[in-house]
């Protein structure tokens, strides 16, 4: 999920993923672990993930807080895997996100938030 190739694809300017595309990626990630889920359990896990993400987005009072939440997630993951290749990939991703968001205007943050809401 944090391989440079995948992250590069995420940062490429493109239309927002559809719910179906996001679910396919989620299923591939879940099945790449030792965990194997049946269709019902996978749907429940996906719904739980969406519910958590929606709650976090709704908790953001200002659009710029979406950036802060994302950075917090990345730094927490870095702390979970110190001194590893994964930490290096996560740091590169965080630096790339920071560089991108430094050029954002307030309008860009509002539009990002609006796109996330439209996704749901």
Protein backbone atom coordinates (compact mmCIF):
# COMPACT_ATOMS: atom_id res chain seq x y z
CA UNK A 1 0.00 0.00 0.00
CA UNK A 2 2.89 2.36 0.59
CA UNK A 3 5.10 1.22 -2.25
CA UNK A 4 6.49 4.13 -4.27
CA UNK A 5 4.64 2.96 -7.39
CA UNK A 6 1.23 2.92 -5.64
CA UNK A 7 1.84 6.26 -3.91
CA UNK A 8 2.92 7.80 -7.21
CA UNK A 9 -0.39 6.68 -8.71
CA UNK A 10 -2.31 8.23 -5.79
CA UNK A 11 -0.59 11.58 -6.30
CA UNK A 12 -1.22 11.62 -10.04
CA UNK A 13 -3.89 14.10 -11.04
CA UNK A 14 -6.97 12.01 -11.82
CA UNK A 15 -10.69 11.77 -11.12
CA UNK A 16 -11.77 10.60 -7.67
CA UNK A 17 -11.93 6.83 -7.29
CA UNK A 18 -15.42 5.37 -7.33
CA UNK A 19 -16.77 3.52 -4.31
CA UNK A 20 -16.42 0.27 -6.29
CA UNK A 21 -12.75 0.99 -7.09
CA UNK A 22 -12.03 1.84 -3.46
CA UNK A 23 -13.70 -1.38 -2.36
CA UNK A 24 -11.61 -3.43 -4.81
CA UNK A 25 -8.40 -1.90 -3.47
CA UNK A 26 -9.58 -2.49 0.10
CA UNK A 27 -10.36 -6.14 -0.65
CA UNK A 28 -6.94 -6.69 -2.24
CA UNK A 29 -5.28 -5.15 0.81
CA UNK A 30 -7.32 -7.25 3.23
CA UNK A 31 -6.66 -10.46 1.30
CA UNK A 32 -2.94 -9.76 1.00
CA UNK A 33 -2.62 -10.48 4.71
CA UNK A 34 -3.05 -13.83 6.40
CA UNK A 35 -6.63 -12.81 7.16
CA UNK A 36 -9.18 -14.42 4.86
CA UNK A 37 -12.74 -13.13 5.00
CA UNK A 38 -15.93 -14.35 3.44
CA UNK A 39 -18.05 -11.93 1.42
CA UNK A 40 -20.28 -10.93 4.36
CA UNK A 41 -17.37 -10.30 6.72
CA UNK A 42 -15.52 -8.33 4.04
CA UNK A 43 -18.59 -6.13 3.49
CA UNK A 44 -18.90 -5.52 7.24
CA UNK A 45 -15.20 -4.63 7.51
CA UNK A 46 -15.47 -2.27 4.54
CA UNK A 47 -18.59 -0.62 6.01
CA UNK A 48 -16.79 -0.22 9.34
CA UNK A 49 -13.81 1.40 7.61
CA UNK A 50 -16.12 3.78 5.74
CA UNK A 51 -17.99 4.66 8.92
CA UNK A 52 -14.72 5.48 10.70
CA UNK A 53 -13.51 7.59 7.81
CA UNK A 54 -16.83 9.45 7.57
CA UNK A 55 -16.72 10.17 11.29
CA UNK A 56 -13.21 11.60 10.99
CA UNK A 57 -14.22 13.81 8.06
CA UNK A 58 -17.33 15.04 9.88
CA UNK A 59 -15.19 15.81 12.94
CA UNK A 60 -13.05 18.21 10.93
CA UNK A 61 -14.39 21.69 11.65
CA UNK A 62 -12.21 23.31 9.00
CA UNK A 63 -11.28 21.80 5.63
CA UNK A 64 -7.54 22.17 6.39
CA UNK A 65 -7.98 19.72 9.28
CA UNK A 66 -8.27 16.92 6.71
CA UNK A 67 -4.57 17.49 6.01
CA UNK A 68 -3.75 17.39 9.73
CA UNK A 69 -5.68 14.13 10.24
CA UNK A 70 -3.90 12.53 7.27
CA UNK A 71 -0.50 13.64 8.53
CA UNK A 72 -1.32 12.30 12.00
CA UNK A 73 -2.15 8.90 10.47
CA UNK A 74 1.12 8.85 8.53
CA UNK A 75 3.27 9.87 11.52
CA UNK A 76 1.55 7.29 13.71
CA UNK A 77 2.30 4.57 11.17
CA UNK A 78 5.94 5.74 10.98
CA UNK A 79 6.17 5.39 14.76
CA UNK A 80 4.79 1.84 14.50
CA UNK A 81 7.54 0.67 12.13
CA UNK A 82 10.70 2.61 13.10
CA UNK A 83 13.95 2.10 11.23
CA UNK A 84 12.43 0.07 8.43
CA UNK A 85 11.84 0.28 4.70
CA UNK A 86 8.15 0.88 5.45
CA UNK A 87 9.04 3.90 7.64
CA UNK A 88 11.11 5.30 4.77
CA UNK A 89 8.21 4.87 2.34
CA UNK A 90 5.81 6.48 4.82
CA UNK A 91 8.16 9.43 5.38
CA UNK A 92 8.44 9.92 1.61
CA UNK A 93 4.65 9.85 1.35
CA UNK A 94 4.29 12.37 4.21
CA UNK A 95 6.87 14.67 2.60
CA UNK A 96 5.11 14.41 -0.74
CA UNK A 97 1.74 15.23 0.85
CA UNK A 98 3.26 18.17 2.72
CA UNK A 99 4.82 19.55 -0.47
CA UNK A 100 1.51 19.22 -2.32
CA UNK A 101 -0.55 20.84 0.43
CA UNK A 102 1.86 23.76 0.88
CA UNK A 103 0.57 25.12 -2.40
CA UNK A 104 -3.11 24.67 -1.44
CA UNK A 105 -5.31 27.68 -0.97
CA UNK A 106 -8.30 27.71 1.35
CA UNK A 107 -10.44 27.11 -1.76
CA UNK A 108 -8.42 23.97 -2.61
CA UNK A 109 -9.09 22.57 0.86
CA UNK A 110 -12.80 23.34 0.54
CA UNK A 111 -12.94 21.60 -2.85
CA UNK A 112 -11.04 18.59 -1.47
CA UNK A 113 -13.52 18.30 1.37
CA UNK A 114 -16.43 18.63 -1.05
CA UNK A 115 -15.03 15.85 -3.26
CA UNK A 116 -14.65 13.56 -0.25
CA UNK A 117 -18.27 14.26 0.74
CA UNK A 118 -19.44 13.55 -2.81
CA UNK A 119 -17.58 10.22 -2.69
CA UNK A 120 -19.86 9.14 0.15
